[in-house]
Amino acid sequence: MKHEIRVKRLVALTGLVLALGAGFACAPGPVADSAEAVYPTDSWERVAEPAAAGFSAEALDAIHPYVEGINTSAVMAVVGGRVLFEHGPVDSLSYLASVRKSILAMLYGNYVEDGTIDLELTLEDLGMDDVQGLLPIERRARVLDLVTARSGVYHPASNAGDNLADAPPRGSQEPGIYYLYSNWDFNASGAVFEQLTGRNIYDALEADLALPLGFQDWDRSIHRKSGDETRSRNLAYHMTLSTRDMARIGYLMLRDGMWDGERILPDGWAERITSVVTPSEEMNPEGLRGGEFGYGYMWWVWDGPAVPEGFEGAYSGRGAYGQFITVIPSLDMVVAHKTVPQNSTPWADYMGILTRLDAAHCGADC
C-alpha cells in the first residue's frame, strides 16, 4: 500500500478525572467490564443507581442545566449498555449530516471482508468519471484513498460542507498522500459501495445495521440522496436517525462489532476504521494541524498531545449543526447527540457535555 495505515490507538486510561464544579470531586475507579455489558432489545435499560455504575448522581443531575443553556435537541449517554444520562426527545428523527460518512465506513466492513469491495481498486479500474472529467492522476486514486479523504481528487462535490475551498490545484497531489476533508471523496465512496455491492446504501443500512441492532425509530421510506448533479454525479447519501438509534450505532462500535453474541461487523473492523490514518500534525488545511484530532476511515480520532485527559483512544462521528456519535472506551461509554438544524451546537459546547460526563465518573469511590 502506498500509504501505510499508522495505528496510533492508545490504551485507554482510567486515571484521575478532575471534577467540574464544587462538590463533584470523585476518586478514580475501574470502568465497567465489557463482560458485564448488556444490549438493548425493544428499548434501552437504564442505570438504576449511578453509583453502582461508577458515576456520581449529583454530578449527572448538574449536567441538565448546562444542556438547557446550549442548543442541544437531545443527548443520550450509555454506559455498559444502559442509559446513564438522557436529555430531550431521544426518539425524534432528524438528519445526521456528516455522521452518515462514519456509518458508511461501518457498512463497508463486511464487503471488504468477503472480497466484494477491494480497497485497492482505482477509479480507473471502476470506470468512474464525473461532470468535469477526472484527470489521469486523479483516476489513480484507490477506494482506500476515498474513504480516508486522501484521494487527491479536487473535483467539485454535489453538496457543500467540506474543505474543498482550501484544496490545492487539481492534479497537484498524488493519491494517498494529502488529507483533505472533501465531500467529493465521501460521496464517491457511496457510489463505489453501490457499484461494487449492487445494493442501495439505504437498503444496506436497513439490512446490515437497522434490523440487526433493533433500531426503534427506523423509517426506510424517508431516505433519499440529494445534491446538485450539475456539479457532480455523486450525490450525498444523507441519513435520518433518532438519538437513541445513534446510540446503538456507537454501542456496536464500542463492542468491536459484536451485538449480543452476534458478529455484525468483521472482527477488528471497528478498530481499523477508528485508528489514525492521518495524524493530527498532517491534517489540512494547515490550521487544523496540532489540534485534538486525526482522521481514520471517515471517523475523527482523538490524537496527539492536545488530547484531553480521559479521551485517549476515543473517537467520534461529527456532523454539521451538532450531530455526534462519540465512543469513549476509558469510560465504557457512548454518547449520541442531536441538534435540529434550525439551531447549531458548536463542538466546544458539546465537549462541555462530554467533559462533565467524564468528571461525573468516580469509580468504586462514589
Protein backbone atom coordinates (compact mmCIF):
# COMPACT_ATOMS: atom_id res chain seq x y z
CA MET A 1 0.00 0.00 0.00
CA LYS A 2 1.31 3.45 -0.94
CA HIS A 3 0.21 4.89 2.34
CA GLU A 4 0.68 2.67 5.34
CA ILE A 5 -2.03 2.99 7.95
CA ARG A 6 -0.48 4.03 11.21
CA VAL A 7 -2.34 2.61 14.11
CA LYS A 8 -1.95 5.05 16.98
CA ARG A 9 -4.77 3.89 19.21
CA LEU A 10 -3.53 4.40 22.76
CA VAL A 11 -4.52 2.22 25.67
CA ALA A 12 -7.48 3.86 27.38
CA LEU A 13 -6.63 5.45 30.68
CA THR A 14 -8.67 5.31 33.84
CA GLY A 15 -6.62 7.75 35.85
CA LEU A 16 -7.72 10.65 37.94
CA VAL A 17 -10.60 12.71 36.48
CA LEU A 18 -10.95 16.30 37.65
CA ALA A 19 -14.50 17.15 38.65
CA LEU A 20 -16.28 20.13 37.18
CA GLY A 21 -17.79 22.35 39.83
CA ALA A 22 -17.53 22.34 43.58
CA GLY A 23 -18.58 19.24 45.38
CA PHE A 24 -18.23 16.83 42.44
CA ALA A 25 -14.69 15.58 43.09
CA CYS A 26 -14.50 11.85 42.63
CA ALA A 27 -11.72 9.33 43.02
CA PRO A 28 -10.69 7.14 40.07
CA GLY A 29 -12.05 3.66 39.73
CA PRO A 30 -12.32 0.90 37.17
CA VAL A 31 -14.76 1.23 34.29
CA ALA A 32 -17.37 -1.43 33.73
CA ASP A 33 -16.03 -4.74 32.47
CA SER A 34 -17.30 -5.33 28.93
CA ALA A 35 -18.18 -8.87 30.01
CA GLU A 36 -20.85 -7.29 32.21
CA ALA A 37 -22.33 -5.39 29.29
CA VAL A 38 -25.97 -5.69 28.34
CA TYR A 39 -27.59 -4.95 24.99
CA PRO A 40 -30.84 -3.11 24.30
CA THR A 41 -33.74 -5.14 22.93
CA ASP A 42 -37.03 -3.35 22.21
CA SER A 43 -35.78 -0.49 24.37
CA TRP A 44 -32.76 0.54 26.40
CA GLU A 45 -32.38 -0.45 30.04
CA ARG A 46 -31.50 2.35 32.43
CA VAL A 47 -28.86 2.61 35.11
CA ALA A 48 -30.86 2.32 38.31
CA GLU A 49 -28.15 3.59 40.66
CA PRO A 50 -25.41 5.72 39.05
CA ALA A 51 -23.02 4.99 41.92
CA ALA A 52 -23.22 1.28 41.15
CA ALA A 53 -22.06 2.10 37.62
CA GLY A 54 -19.25 4.29 38.97
CA PHE A 55 -20.85 7.71 38.49
CA SER A 56 -21.99 10.50 40.79
CA ALA A 57 -25.76 11.03 40.62
CA GLU A 58 -25.30 14.60 41.86
CA ALA A 59 -22.79 15.39 39.10
CA LEU A 60 -25.04 13.85 36.46
CA ASP A 61 -28.04 15.88 37.65
CA ALA A 62 -25.96 19.03 37.33
CA ILE A 63 -25.42 18.39 33.60
CA HIS A 64 -29.09 19.08 32.79
CA PRO A 65 -28.93 22.85 33.45
CA TYR A 66 -25.84 23.07 31.25
CA VAL A 67 -27.62 21.27 28.40
CA GLU A 68 -30.62 23.54 28.81
CA GLY A 69 -28.33 26.51 28.24
CA ILE A 70 -26.99 25.34 24.85
CA ASN A 71 -28.74 24.34 21.63
CA THR A 72 -28.82 20.58 22.15
CA SER A 73 -32.05 18.98 20.94
CA ALA A 74 -31.36 15.59 22.54
CA VAL A 75 -28.44 13.77 24.10
CA MET A 76 -28.04 10.26 25.50
CA ALA A 77 -25.09 8.68 27.30
CA VAL A 78 -24.85 4.90 27.61
CA VAL A 79 -22.51 3.04 29.97
CA GLY A 80 -22.20 -0.74 29.86
CA GLY A 81 -25.25 -0.92 27.60
CA ARG A 82 -27.56 1.01 29.94
CA VAL A 83 -28.72 4.62 29.73
CA LEU A 84 -26.81 6.72 32.25
CA PHE A 85 -27.91 10.20 31.16
CA GLU A 86 -30.67 11.42 28.86
CA HIS A 87 -31.99 14.84 27.95
CA GLY A 88 -34.55 15.81 25.34
CA PRO A 89 -36.66 13.78 22.87
CA VAL A 90 -34.26 10.95 22.02
CA ASP A 91 -36.90 9.31 19.79
CA SER A 92 -37.19 12.30 17.43
CA LEU A 93 -35.87 11.82 13.88
CA SER A 94 -33.59 14.31 12.12
CA TYR A 95 -30.74 14.14 9.66
CA LEU A 96 -27.24 13.14 10.66
CA ALA A 97 -25.23 15.46 8.41
CA SER A 98 -21.68 14.11 8.08
CA VAL A 99 -22.15 11.34 10.64
CA ARG A 100 -23.51 9.49 7.58
CA LYS A 101 -19.90 9.04 6.46
CA SER A 102 -18.87 7.25 9.65
CA ILE A 103 -21.84 4.90 9.24
CA LEU A 104 -20.86 4.18 5.63
CA ALA A 105 -17.38 3.21 6.86
CA MET A 106 -19.09 0.64 9.10
CA LEU A 107 -21.17 -0.68 6.20
CA TYR A 108 -18.03 -1.22 4.13
CA GLY A 109 -16.70 -3.79 6.62
CA ASN A 110 -18.49 -7.00 5.65
CA TYR A 111 -17.99 -6.35 1.94
CA VAL A 112 -14.27 -5.71 2.37
CA GLU A 113 -14.06 -8.86 4.47
CA ASP A 114 -15.71 -11.08 1.84
CA GLY A 115 -13.86 -9.50 -1.11
CA THR A 116 -16.86 -7.76 -2.66
CA ILE A 117 -15.11 -4.42 -2.13
CA ASP A 118 -11.40 -4.26 -2.91
CA LEU A 119 -9.97 -1.13 -1.31
CA GLU A 120 -7.02 -1.23 -3.75
CA LEU A 121 -9.19 -0.74 -6.83
CA THR A 122 -8.65 2.62 -8.54
CA LEU A 123 -11.19 4.99 -10.03
CA GLU A 124 -9.83 3.94 -13.42
CA ASP A 125 -10.42 0.27 -12.56
CA LEU A 126 -14.00 1.17 -11.67
CA GLY A 127 -14.60 3.28 -14.77
CA MET A 128 -15.57 6.27 -12.64
CA ASP A 129 -15.76 9.76 -14.11
CA ASP A 130 -17.58 12.99 -13.30
CA VAL A 131 -19.13 16.12 -14.80
CA GLN A 132 -15.85 17.97 -15.38
CA GLY A 133 -13.94 14.79 -16.15
CA LEU A 134 -11.19 13.33 -13.97
CA LEU A 135 -7.51 13.90 -14.63
CA PRO A 136 -5.22 10.92 -15.27
CA ILE A 137 -3.54 11.39 -11.87
CA GLU A 138 -6.98 11.53 -10.19
CA ARG A 139 -8.01 8.26 -11.83
CA ARG A 140 -5.19 6.58 -9.92
CA ALA A 141 -6.94 7.22 -6.57
CA ARG A 142 -7.93 4.00 -4.80
CA VAL A 143 -11.10 3.25 -2.89
CA LEU A 144 -8.93 3.32 0.24
CA ASP A 145 -7.92 6.89 -0.59
CA LEU A 146 -11.56 7.92 -0.89
CA VAL A 147 -12.65 6.55 2.48
CA THR A 148 -9.64 8.12 4.22
CA ALA A 149 -10.06 11.52 2.48
CA ARG A 150 -6.68 11.26 0.76
CA SER A 151 -7.73 10.86 -2.89
CA GLY A 152 -6.09 13.97 -4.35
CA VAL A 153 -9.28 14.49 -6.38
CA TYR A 154 -10.45 18.09 -6.07
CA HIS A 155 -13.43 17.95 -8.41
CA PRO A 156 -16.45 19.94 -7.11
CA ALA A 157 -18.81 17.98 -4.87
CA SER A 158 -22.58 17.83 -5.29
CA ASN A 159 -23.10 19.34 -1.82
CA ALA A 160 -21.34 21.85 0.40
CA GLY A 161 -19.92 21.39 3.90
CA ASP A 162 -16.28 20.46 3.40
CA ASN A 163 -12.80 21.97 2.91
CA LEU A 164 -12.66 21.87 -0.90
CA ALA A 165 -12.30 25.67 -0.92
CA ASP A 166 -8.87 25.09 0.65
CA ALA A 167 -7.83 22.37 -1.81
CA PRO A 168 -4.54 22.51 -3.70
CA PRO A 169 -4.74 22.87 -7.50
CA ARG A 170 -6.26 19.89 -9.27
CA GLY A 171 -3.68 17.32 -10.29
CA SER A 172 -1.05 18.60 -7.84
CA GLN A 173 -1.29 15.82 -5.24
CA GLU A 174 -0.52 12.15 -5.70
CA PRO A 175 -3.41 9.99 -4.43
CA GLY A 176 -2.92 8.62 -0.91
CA ILE A 177 -0.55 11.37 0.26
CA TYR A 178 -2.51 14.50 1.14
CA TYR A 179 -5.51 14.60 3.53
CA LEU A 180 -8.39 16.96 2.77
CA TYR A 181 -11.94 16.72 4.09
CA SER A 182 -13.82 16.56 0.79
CA ASN A 183 -17.42 15.67 0.10
CA TRP A 184 -16.35 14.52 -3.35
CA ASP A 185 -14.36 11.71 -1.71
CA PHE A 186 -17.16 10.80 0.65
CA ASN A 187 -19.93 10.86 -1.96
CA ALA A 188 -17.76 8.88 -4.36
CA SER A 189 -17.25 6.35 -1.55
CA GLY A 190 -21.01 5.92 -1.51
CA ALA A 191 -21.13 5.50 -5.29
CA VAL A 192 -18.36 2.88 -5.10
CA PHE A 193 -20.23 1.00 -2.37
CA GLU A 194 -23.34 0.77 -4.52
CA GLN A 195 -21.43 -0.13 -7.69
CA LEU A 196 -19.45 -2.97 -6.13
CA THR A 197 -22.14 -4.40 -3.84
CA GLY A 198 -25.08 -3.89 -6.20
CA ARG A 199 -27.04 -2.57 -3.21
CA ASN A 200 -28.60 0.77 -2.44
CA ILE A 201 -26.91 2.35 0.60
CA TYR A 202 -30.20 2.73 2.45
CA ASP A 203 -31.21 -0.88 1.81
CA ALA A 204 -27.82 -1.95 3.17
CA LEU A 205 -28.23 0.34 6.17
CA GLU A 206 -31.57 -1.28 6.90
CA ALA A 207 -30.49 -4.89 6.42
CA ASP A 208 -26.98 -4.66 7.86
CA LEU A 209 -27.50 -2.31 10.81
CA ALA A 210 -31.05 -1.10 11.46
CA LEU A 211 -32.69 -4.53 11.67
CA PRO A 212 -29.89 -6.46 13.43
CA LEU A 213 -29.45 -3.71 16.02
CA GLY A 214 -33.20 -3.28 16.52
CA PHE A 215 -33.47 0.42 15.67
CA GLN A 216 -36.55 1.73 17.44
CA ASP A 217 -37.32 4.61 15.08
CA TRP A 218 -36.05 3.48 11.67
CA ASP A 219 -38.02 4.61 8.59
CA ARG A 220 -36.58 3.47 5.27
CA SER A 221 -39.18 5.44 3.29
CA ILE A 222 -37.80 8.87 4.21
CA HIS A 223 -34.28 8.19 2.98
CA ARG A 224 -33.13 9.54 -0.38
CA LYS A 225 -29.98 11.06 -1.85
CA SER A 226 -29.60 14.75 -2.60
CA GLY A 227 -27.22 17.21 -4.25
CA ASP A 228 -26.55 19.20 -7.40
CA GLU A 229 -25.97 16.79 -10.28
CA THR A 230 -24.68 19.60 -12.48
CA ARG A 231 -21.67 19.80 -10.14
CA SER A 232 -21.08 16.08 -9.56
CA ARG A 233 -22.73 12.80 -10.46
CA ASN A 234 -22.09 11.50 -6.94
CA LEU A 235 -24.91 12.54 -4.65
CA ALA A 236 -24.90 12.84 -0.86
CA TYR A 237 -26.47 9.86 0.94
CA HIS A 238 -27.95 11.75 3.90
CA MET A 239 -29.38 9.64 6.73
CA THR A 240 -32.15 10.32 9.25
CA LEU A 241 -32.00 8.62 12.65
CA SER A 242 -33.09 9.22 16.23
CA THR A 243 -30.65 9.90 19.05
CA ARG A 244 -31.39 6.56 20.72
CA ASP A 245 -30.70 4.68 17.48
CA MET A 246 -27.47 6.63 17.00
CA ALA A 247 -26.51 5.29 20.43
CA ARG A 248 -26.97 1.74 19.11
CA ILE A 249 -24.55 2.54 16.30
CA GLY A 250 -21.97 3.81 18.81
CA TYR A 251 -22.51 0.86 21.10
CA LEU A 252 -21.84 -1.58 18.27
CA MET A 253 -18.55 0.22 17.67
CA LEU A 254 -17.66 0.15 21.37
CA ARG A 255 -18.21 -3.63 21.34
CA ASP A 256 -15.97 -4.12 18.27
CA GLY A 257 -18.88 -5.04 16.02
CA MET A 258 -20.47 -7.59 18.35
CA TRP A 259 -24.15 -7.39 19.27
CA ASP A 260 -25.48 -9.69 21.97
CA GLY A 261 -23.32 -12.62 20.85
CA GLU A 262 -23.73 -11.99 17.11
CA ARG A 263 -20.93 -10.56 14.95
CA ILE A 264 -22.37 -7.65 12.95
CA LEU A 265 -19.08 -6.13 11.77
CA PRO A 266 -15.96 -8.16 10.94
CA ASP A 267 -13.56 -8.82 13.79
CA GLY A 268 -11.26 -5.80 14.11
CA TRP A 269 -13.12 -3.61 11.60
CA ALA A 270 -14.31 -1.11 14.22
CA GLU A 271 -10.75 -0.69 15.43
CA ARG A 272 -9.42 -0.41 11.88
CA ILE A 273 -11.73 2.40 10.81
CA THR A 274 -11.16 4.37 14.03
CA SER A 275 -7.37 4.07 14.01
CA VAL A 276 -5.39 7.09 12.89
CA VAL A 277 -4.55 7.21 9.18
CA THR A 278 -3.90 10.95 9.12
CA PRO A 279 -2.32 12.10 12.40
CA SER A 280 -3.07 15.50 13.86
CA GLU A 281 0.17 17.02 12.56
CA GLU A 282 -0.70 16.07 8.95
CA MET A 283 -4.22 17.48 8.83
CA ASN A 284 -5.16 20.01 6.14
CA PRO A 285 -5.76 22.88 5.77
CA GLU A 286 -2.80 23.88 7.88
CA GLY A 287 -4.96 25.46 10.59
CA LEU A 288 -6.19 22.01 11.62
CA ARG A 289 -2.71 20.72 12.44
CA GLY A 290 -1.70 20.16 16.02
CA GLY A 291 -5.28 20.03 17.28
CA GLU A 292 -7.07 17.25 19.15
CA PHE A 293 -8.00 15.15 16.13
CA GLY A 294 -6.59 12.93 13.47
CA TYR A 295 -8.65 11.04 10.91
CA GLY A 296 -9.32 7.39 10.19
CA TYR A 297 -11.81 5.85 7.77
CA MET A 298 -14.45 8.61 7.91
CA TRP A 299 -14.17 8.75 11.74
CA TRP A 300 -12.49 11.54 13.74
CA VAL A 301 -9.98 10.13 16.24
CA TRP A 302 -8.58 11.98 19.27
CA ASP A 303 -4.85 12.15 18.54
CA GLY A 304 -1.69 13.90 19.58
CA PRO A 305 -0.55 15.92 22.61
CA ALA A 306 -3.69 18.11 22.65
CA VAL A 307 -5.98 15.19 23.58
CA PRO A 308 -7.76 15.94 26.89
CA GLU A 309 -7.11 13.51 29.72
CA GLY A 310 -9.58 10.65 29.62
CA PHE A 311 -10.16 10.86 25.85
CA GLU A 312 -7.18 8.80 24.75
CA GLY A 313 -8.47 6.10 22.41
CA ALA A 314 -11.80 7.89 21.91
CA TYR A 315 -13.33 8.70 18.53
CA SER A 316 -16.34 10.46 17.10
CA GLY A 317 -18.60 10.80 14.10
CA ARG A 318 -19.16 14.52 13.59
CA GLY A 319 -21.86 16.31 11.61
CA ALA A 320 -22.89 19.89 10.91
CA TYR A 321 -25.16 21.77 13.33
CA GLY A 322 -24.32 19.39 16.21
CA GLN A 323 -24.79 15.75 15.22
CA PHE A 324 -22.33 13.49 17.05
CA ILE A 325 -21.72 9.85 17.94
CA THR A 326 -18.82 9.57 20.38
CA VAL A 327 -17.21 6.45 21.83
CA ILE A 328 -15.09 6.81 24.98
CA PRO A 329 -13.57 3.39 25.76
CA SER A 330 -11.98 4.52 29.03
CA LEU A 331 -15.49 5.03 30.44
CA ASP A 332 -17.15 2.16 28.54
CA MET A 333 -19.35 4.99 27.26
CA VAL A 334 -21.20 6.02 24.12
CA VAL A 335 -22.69 9.49 23.72
CA ALA A 336 -25.21 10.33 20.99
CA HIS A 337 -26.13 13.97 20.39
CA LYS A 338 -28.56 15.71 18.04
CA THR A 339 -29.35 19.31 17.18
CA VAL A 340 -32.28 20.06 14.89
CA PRO A 341 -30.69 22.11 12.08
CA GLN A 342 -32.63 25.33 12.75
CA ASN A 343 -30.14 25.59 15.63
CA SER A 344 -26.49 24.67 15.99
CA THR A 345 -24.41 23.21 18.79
CA PRO A 346 -20.71 24.07 18.35
CA TRP A 347 -18.17 21.37 19.13
CA ALA A 348 -16.96 23.33 22.18
CA ASP A 349 -20.47 23.26 23.67
CA TYR A 350 -20.75 19.54 23.02
CA MET A 351 -17.36 18.99 24.67
CA GLY A 352 -18.87 20.68 27.69
CA ILE A 353 -21.27 17.74 27.93
CA LEU A 354 -18.52 15.16 27.39
CA THR A 355 -16.19 16.65 29.99
CA ARG A 356 -19.00 16.83 32.54
CA LEU A 357 -19.85 13.18 31.94
CA ASP A 358 -16.16 12.36 32.31
CA ALA A 359 -15.96 14.33 35.56
CA ALA A 360 -19.02 12.53 36.94
CA HIS A 361 -17.09 9.24 36.85
CA CYS A 362 -15.98 8.32 40.36
CA GLY A 363 -15.45 4.59 40.07
CA ALA A 364 -15.55 2.48 43.20
CA ASP A 365 -15.37 5.53 45.46
CA CYS A 366 -18.70 7.13 44.51
